[in-house]
Protein backbone atom coordinates (compact mmCIF):
# COMPACT_ATOMS: atom_id res chain seq x y z
CA MET A 1 76.67 104.37 144.93
CA ASP A 2 75.15 106.69 142.34
CA SER A 3 78.28 108.80 141.98
CA LEU A 4 80.43 105.67 141.63
CA LEU A 5 78.15 104.33 138.93
CA GLN A 6 78.18 107.66 137.11
CA LYS A 7 81.97 107.74 137.27
CA ARG A 8 82.21 104.26 135.82
CA GLN A 9 79.74 105.14 133.08
CA ALA A 10 81.59 108.34 132.22
CA ASN A 11 84.84 106.38 132.11
CA LEU A 12 83.34 103.81 129.75
CA VAL A 13 81.88 106.52 127.52
CA HIS A 14 85.23 108.30 127.45
CA LYS A 15 87.05 105.09 126.52
CA TRP A 16 84.47 104.30 123.85
CA LYS A 17 84.69 107.81 122.40
CA SER A 18 88.49 107.83 122.34
CA ARG A 19 88.47 104.40 120.72
CA ARG A 20 85.99 105.57 118.08
CA SER A 21 87.81 108.82 117.42
CA LYS A 22 90.91 106.82 116.53
CA LYS A 23 89.04 104.70 114.00
CA ILE A 24 86.62 107.25 112.58
CA PRO A 25 88.20 110.44 111.22
CA SER A 26 86.59 113.79 111.90
CA LYS A 27 84.84 115.79 109.17
CA ALA A 28 87.89 118.01 108.69
CA GLN A 29 90.12 114.95 108.26
CA LEU A 30 87.65 113.42 105.81
CA VAL A 31 87.66 116.63 103.77
CA GLN A 32 91.47 116.68 103.76
CA ILE A 33 91.60 113.05 102.63
CA TRP A 34 88.98 113.71 99.94
CA VAL A 35 90.87 116.77 98.66
CA ARG A 36 94.08 114.77 98.62
CA LEU A 37 92.39 111.97 96.69
CA MET A 38 90.89 114.42 94.23
CA SER A 39 94.22 116.19 93.62
CA CYS A 40 95.93 112.81 93.22
CA SER A 41 93.35 111.58 90.72
CA ILE A 42 93.57 114.81 88.70
CA ARG A 43 97.39 115.17 88.49
CA PRO A 44 98.83 111.76 87.55
CA ARG A 45 97.31 110.26 84.42
CA ALA A 46 99.10 106.94 84.94
CA VAL A 47 97.17 106.15 88.14
CA PRO A 48 93.88 104.43 87.27
CA THR A 49 90.79 106.03 88.84
CA SER A 50 88.85 103.23 90.45
């Protein structure tokens, strides 16, 4: 029973992690997005910086 429970728990954790990883970007992705935003806000003067 223990191994079955552990398998189920691991499965749930894996599902939860994969679901979260889709929603929440990694640090590298966040940095890329931030750099992109910064370069976009610097180059075009027409775009308002909010």
